[in-house]
Amino acid sequence: MSDVARDLLIVGLALFTSTIGSIGGLGGAILLVPLLTFGDMTITQAAPLGLVSVIAGSVAAGRRQENDGIVNHRFGVVTELGATSGAIVGVLLAGSLSNTMLTLVLAAAAMLASIGGAWRRGVRWKPNPAMSSSEVGERTGSLAGAYRLDGHVVPYTPARLPLGIVLMMVSGVVTGLAGVGGGFLKTPLSSEVMRLPAKVAAGTSTFTIGLTASTAFLLMALDGRVNGSDAALVVIGALTGGTIGSGLQRRMSPQMVRRGTAVVLGVIAVLLVMRA
């Protein structure tokens, strides 16, 4: 493959995976990293590029999702404390697991998250006709909030936070070990364990995975593991993909977001098993 073709392929893969990742709050890295390893990269080389795609995709999608009122910053910051601490541990432990073992662990986690998202039926949170559009967003002094759905306002309140934060720490360790952003774990954890609406879970996850990925990426950069030219190509693709993905998410129903996320997670699990 020529250098030009290789560069275009990296941009195209980053665009595609960031589009998919922004819709479901998964982060494009969980798709991008295994796809890059089907070429001439090892998972160690691909991991920093995965983190770059997560950061760029998060920045691109953030403005639109913020305007739509589906990012709960308070919830995100609270759960991010666990995820970031886990990410530091993961980077420090990088290399302690073989590529094959790490890939299989990621595949198992993706499949469990896929089954959890596909299993539930219906919509957990219902519109409240008494609420106005001025109440959309985060509730002052609380992790609760409300978002717009089909012209109505839907209130929600997170649950089981202690368990969720512990599991977020696990997702952070995965981020540090494999450079996959952790969104494929954070979104289903927020939705199915802590009971956020699917769109809010996806939007908040897109916001927080950028923070987790930034921590892990900084440590990898200090360790000299970042290829600058490849990272620049990923940024181009991921910025475009994040913009496209957030626009598509706006037009999708919560059920479509949840079920689509479950399907993508299943595909990810299969790809990872094939890579192993």
Protein backbone atom coordinates (compact mmCIF):
# COMPACT_ATOMS: atom_id res chain seq x y z
CA MET A 1 0.00 0.00 0.00
CA SER A 2 1.34 3.45 -0.93
CA ASP A 3 1.85 6.13 1.70
CA VAL A 4 -1.00 8.25 0.26
CA ALA A 5 -3.41 5.31 0.29
CA ARG A 6 -2.41 4.49 3.85
CA ASP A 7 -3.00 8.09 4.97
CA LEU A 8 -6.42 8.21 3.30
CA LEU A 9 -7.34 4.91 4.90
CA ILE A 10 -6.48 6.22 8.38
CA VAL A 11 -8.56 9.38 7.81
CA GLY A 12 -11.47 7.32 6.46
CA LEU A 13 -11.41 4.86 9.34
CA ALA A 14 -11.26 7.68 11.89
CA LEU A 15 -14.20 9.43 10.21
CA PHE A 16 -16.33 6.26 10.08
CA THR A 17 -15.60 5.08 13.60
CA SER A 18 -16.03 8.53 15.18
CA THR A 19 -19.41 8.90 13.45
CA ILE A 20 -20.60 5.60 14.90
CA GLY A 21 -19.02 6.33 18.27
CA SER A 22 -20.64 9.77 18.63
CA ILE A 23 -24.12 8.41 17.97
CA GLY A 24 -23.95 5.88 20.81
CA GLY A 25 -21.46 7.62 23.10
CA LEU A 26 -19.05 4.74 22.60
CA GLY A 27 -16.08 6.67 21.34
CA GLY A 28 -14.67 5.70 17.97
CA ALA A 29 -11.56 4.10 19.42
CA ILE A 30 -13.22 0.80 20.33
CA LEU A 31 -13.78 0.30 16.59
CA LEU A 32 -10.74 2.16 15.29
CA VAL A 33 -8.09 0.34 17.34
CA PRO A 34 -9.00 -3.20 16.23
CA LEU A 35 -9.47 -2.05 12.62
CA LEU A 36 -6.00 -0.47 12.59
CA THR A 37 -4.50 -3.68 13.95
CA PHE A 38 -5.83 -5.57 10.93
CA GLY A 39 -3.19 -3.62 9.00
CA ASP A 40 0.45 -3.16 9.92
CA MET A 41 -0.04 -1.79 13.45
CA THR A 42 0.14 -3.53 16.79
CA ILE A 43 -2.41 -2.71 19.49
CA THR A 44 0.33 -0.80 21.33
CA GLN A 45 0.86 1.45 18.29
CA ALA A 46 -2.86 1.84 17.59
CA ALA A 47 -3.87 2.65 21.19
CA PRO A 48 -2.61 6.29 21.21
CA LEU A 49 -4.39 6.91 17.89
CA GLY A 50 -7.57 5.55 19.42
CA LEU A 51 -7.28 8.06 22.25
CA VAL A 52 -6.72 10.87 19.73
CA SER A 53 -9.92 9.90 17.92
CA VAL A 54 -11.87 9.90 21.18
CA ILE A 55 -10.63 13.37 22.15
CA ALA A 56 -11.28 14.90 18.73
CA GLY A 57 -14.68 13.22 18.37
CA SER A 58 -15.72 14.43 21.82
CA VAL A 59 -14.77 18.02 20.98
CA ALA A 60 -16.63 17.90 17.65
CA ALA A 61 -19.84 16.42 19.08
CA GLY A 62 -19.85 18.40 22.31
CA ARG A 63 -21.32 21.70 21.12
CA ARG A 64 -24.39 20.20 19.44
CA GLN A 65 -25.07 17.77 22.28
CA GLU A 66 -24.71 20.60 24.79
CA ASN A 67 -27.25 22.68 22.88
CA ASP A 68 -29.63 19.71 22.82
CA GLY A 69 -29.45 19.45 26.62
CA ILE A 70 -28.30 15.83 26.70
CA VAL A 71 -24.99 16.37 28.51
CA ASN A 72 -25.21 16.17 32.31
CA HIS A 73 -21.92 17.73 33.40
CA ARG A 74 -22.43 17.17 37.13
CA PHE A 75 -23.11 13.48 36.64
CA GLY A 76 -20.20 13.30 34.21
CA VAL A 77 -17.70 14.94 36.57
CA VAL A 78 -18.72 12.75 39.53
CA THR A 79 -18.37 9.50 37.59
CA GLU A 80 -15.27 10.77 35.79
CA LEU A 81 -13.33 10.91 39.06
CA GLY A 82 -13.47 7.13 39.17
CA ALA A 83 -12.80 6.68 35.48
CA THR A 84 -9.76 8.97 35.41
CA SER A 85 -8.16 7.30 38.42
CA GLY A 86 -8.71 3.97 36.71
CA ALA A 87 -7.15 5.29 33.50
CA ILE A 88 -3.94 6.22 35.34
CA VAL A 89 -3.75 2.72 36.80
CA GLY A 90 -4.36 1.22 33.36
CA VAL A 91 -1.54 3.16 31.71
CA LEU A 92 0.84 2.17 34.49
CA LEU A 93 -0.17 -1.48 34.03
CA ALA A 94 0.10 -1.38 30.23
CA GLY A 95 2.21 -4.28 29.06
CA SER A 96 1.29 -6.53 31.96
CA LEU A 97 -1.31 -8.30 29.82
CA SER A 98 -0.58 -9.96 26.50
CA ASN A 99 -2.26 -8.50 23.41
CA THR A 100 -4.35 -11.66 23.06
CA MET A 101 -5.57 -11.61 26.67
CA LEU A 102 -6.38 -7.90 26.54
CA THR A 103 -8.27 -8.31 23.28
CA LEU A 104 -10.37 -11.16 24.67
CA VAL A 105 -11.17 -9.17 27.82
CA LEU A 106 -12.35 -6.26 25.66
CA ALA A 107 -14.44 -8.62 23.53
CA ALA A 108 -16.15 -10.13 26.58
CA ALA A 109 -16.91 -6.69 28.03
CA ALA A 110 -18.33 -5.47 24.70
CA MET A 111 -20.56 -8.54 24.36
CA LEU A 112 -21.90 -8.21 27.92
CA ALA A 113 -22.68 -4.53 27.32
CA SER A 114 -24.38 -5.43 24.02
CA ILE A 115 -26.60 -8.03 25.67
CA GLY A 116 -27.50 -5.64 28.49
CA GLY A 117 -28.55 -2.90 26.08
CA ALA A 118 -30.55 -5.23 23.82
CA TRP A 119 -32.31 -7.02 26.69
CA ARG A 120 -34.30 -4.05 28.01
CA ARG A 121 -37.51 -3.02 26.25
CA GLY A 122 -39.47 0.20 26.26
CA VAL A 123 -38.55 3.66 27.60
CA ARG A 124 -37.70 4.01 31.29
CA TRP A 125 -38.33 7.76 31.64
CA LYS A 126 -41.62 9.29 30.46
CA PRO A 127 -42.40 12.89 29.40
CA ASN A 128 -43.86 15.21 32.04
CA PRO A 129 -46.50 17.50 30.45
CA ALA A 130 -46.21 19.92 33.39
CA MET A 131 -42.56 20.71 32.61
CA SER A 132 -41.47 23.48 30.23
CA SER A 133 -38.47 23.74 27.93
CA SER A 134 -36.82 26.12 30.41
CA GLU A 135 -36.32 23.11 32.71
CA VAL A 136 -34.23 21.19 30.17
CA GLY A 137 -30.71 20.50 31.41
CA GLU A 138 -29.15 19.79 34.78
CA ARG A 139 -30.99 20.42 38.05
CA THR A 140 -29.17 22.81 40.40
CA GLY A 141 -27.67 21.02 43.40
CA SER A 142 -28.51 17.58 42.03
CA LEU A 143 -27.35 15.00 39.50
CA ALA A 144 -30.90 14.82 38.13
CA GLY A 145 -32.04 16.66 35.02
CA ALA A 146 -34.38 16.72 32.02
CA TYR A 147 -34.05 16.52 28.25
CA ARG A 148 -36.20 17.13 25.17
CA LEU A 149 -37.91 14.23 23.40
CA ASP A 150 -40.33 14.71 20.50
CA GLY A 151 -41.32 18.18 21.68
CA HIS A 152 -41.80 17.11 25.31
CA VAL A 153 -39.63 17.40 28.41
CA VAL A 154 -38.48 14.18 30.09
CA PRO A 155 -37.17 14.29 33.69
CA TYR A 156 -34.71 11.71 35.02
CA THR A 157 -32.80 10.90 38.21
CA PRO A 158 -29.63 8.72 38.29
CA ALA A 159 -29.59 5.70 40.62
CA ARG A 160 -27.06 3.26 42.15
CA LEU A 161 -24.20 5.77 41.99
CA PRO A 162 -21.71 3.97 44.30
CA LEU A 163 -21.86 0.81 42.19
CA GLY A 164 -21.70 2.85 39.01
CA ILE A 165 -18.60 4.78 40.10
CA VAL A 166 -16.76 1.57 40.99
CA LEU A 167 -17.59 0.14 37.58
CA MET A 168 -16.50 3.42 35.98
CA MET A 169 -13.09 2.88 37.57
CA VAL A 170 -12.93 -0.45 35.75
CA SER A 171 -13.76 1.28 32.46
CA GLY A 172 -10.93 3.73 33.16
CA VAL A 173 -8.45 0.89 33.64
CA VAL A 174 -9.52 -0.47 30.25
CA THR A 175 -8.94 2.97 28.72
CA GLY A 176 -5.41 3.13 30.05
CA LEU A 177 -4.56 -0.42 29.03
CA ALA A 178 -5.97 -0.44 25.50
CA GLY A 179 -6.50 3.18 24.47
CA VAL A 180 -10.15 2.63 23.60
CA GLY A 181 -11.73 5.55 25.46
CA GLY A 182 -13.94 3.43 27.68
CA GLY A 183 -17.16 4.76 26.12
CA PHE A 184 -18.31 1.30 25.13
CA LEU A 185 -18.45 0.56 28.86
CA LYS A 186 -19.43 4.02 30.17
CA THR A 187 -22.56 4.41 28.06
CA PRO A 188 -24.22 1.10 29.04
CA LEU A 189 -23.10 1.60 32.65
CA SER A 190 -24.76 5.03 32.73
CA SER A 191 -27.89 3.77 30.99
CA GLU A 192 -28.42 0.30 32.44
CA VAL A 193 -26.74 0.51 35.87
CA MET A 194 -27.28 4.17 36.80
CA ARG A 195 -30.48 4.50 34.74
CA LEU A 196 -29.84 7.59 32.67
CA PRO A 197 -31.95 7.96 29.50
CA ALA A 198 -30.16 6.46 26.49
CA LYS A 199 -29.54 9.82 24.79
CA VAL A 200 -28.31 11.48 27.98
CA ALA A 201 -26.05 8.51 28.70
CA ALA A 202 -24.60 8.74 25.18
CA GLY A 203 -24.16 12.53 25.24
CA THR A 204 -22.62 12.58 28.71
CA SER A 205 -20.36 9.66 27.84
CA THR A 206 -19.10 11.48 24.73
CA PHE A 207 -18.20 14.41 27.00
CA THR A 208 -16.50 12.36 29.71
CA ILE A 209 -14.55 9.95 27.51
CA GLY A 210 -12.73 12.92 26.06
CA LEU A 211 -11.50 13.77 29.58
CA THR A 212 -10.49 10.19 30.38
CA ALA A 213 -8.77 9.79 27.03
CA SER A 214 -6.87 13.07 27.49
CA THR A 215 -5.37 11.81 30.76
CA ALA A 216 -4.30 8.51 29.23
CA PHE A 217 -3.03 10.20 26.05
CA LEU A 218 -0.84 12.62 28.00
CA LEU A 219 0.81 9.74 29.82
CA MET A 220 1.37 7.88 26.53
CA ALA A 221 2.81 11.02 24.92
CA LEU A 222 5.25 11.48 27.80
CA ASP A 223 6.25 7.85 27.26
CA GLY A 224 7.03 8.57 23.59
CA ARG A 225 4.32 6.28 22.21
CA VAL A 226 2.58 8.81 19.91
CA ASN A 227 3.19 8.98 16.15
CA GLY A 228 2.53 12.64 15.37
CA SER A 229 1.79 12.33 11.65
CA ASP A 230 -0.68 9.47 12.12
CA ALA A 231 -2.30 11.33 15.02
CA ALA A 232 -2.88 14.39 12.82
CA LEU A 233 -4.65 12.22 10.23
CA VAL A 234 -6.88 10.73 12.92
CA VAL A 235 -7.80 14.22 14.18
CA ILE A 236 -9.01 15.23 10.70
CA GLY A 237 -11.23 12.19 10.37
CA ALA A 238 -12.50 12.21 13.97
CA LEU A 239 -13.50 15.89 13.97
CA THR A 240 -15.60 15.31 10.87
CA GLY A 241 -17.05 12.06 12.18
CA GLY A 242 -17.96 13.55 15.55
CA THR A 243 -19.86 16.36 13.84
CA ILE A 244 -21.77 13.96 11.58
CA GLY A 245 -22.52 11.51 14.40
CA SER A 246 -23.96 14.12 16.77
CA GLY A 247 -26.24 15.35 13.97
CA LEU A 248 -27.53 11.85 13.30
CA GLN A 249 -28.07 11.21 17.01
CA ARG A 250 -30.40 14.22 17.20
CA ARG A 251 -32.75 12.58 14.68
CA MET A 252 -32.83 9.17 16.36
CA SER A 253 -35.25 7.95 19.04
CA PRO A 254 -33.89 6.68 22.40
CA GLN A 255 -34.81 3.12 21.40
CA MET A 256 -32.84 3.46 18.17
CA VAL A 257 -29.83 4.84 20.04
CA ARG A 258 -29.92 2.01 22.61
CA ARG A 259 -30.51 -0.80 20.11
CA GLY A 260 -28.05 0.62 17.62
CA THR A 261 -25.45 0.83 20.35
CA ALA A 262 -26.13 -2.80 21.28
CA VAL A 263 -25.64 -3.91 17.67
CA VAL A 264 -22.38 -1.98 17.32
CA LEU A 265 -21.09 -3.46 20.58
CA GLY A 266 -21.87 -6.95 19.27
CA VAL A 267 -19.95 -6.22 16.07
CA ILE A 268 -17.06 -4.88 18.13
CA ALA A 269 -16.95 -8.10 20.17
CA VAL A 270 -16.80 -10.18 16.98
CA LEU A 271 -14.03 -7.99 15.51
CA LEU A 272 -12.00 -8.28 18.68
CA VAL A 273 -12.34 -12.07 18.79
CA MET A 274 -11.24 -12.24 15.14
CA ARG A 275 -8.25 -10.03 15.97
CA ALA A 276 -7.27 -12.25 18.90
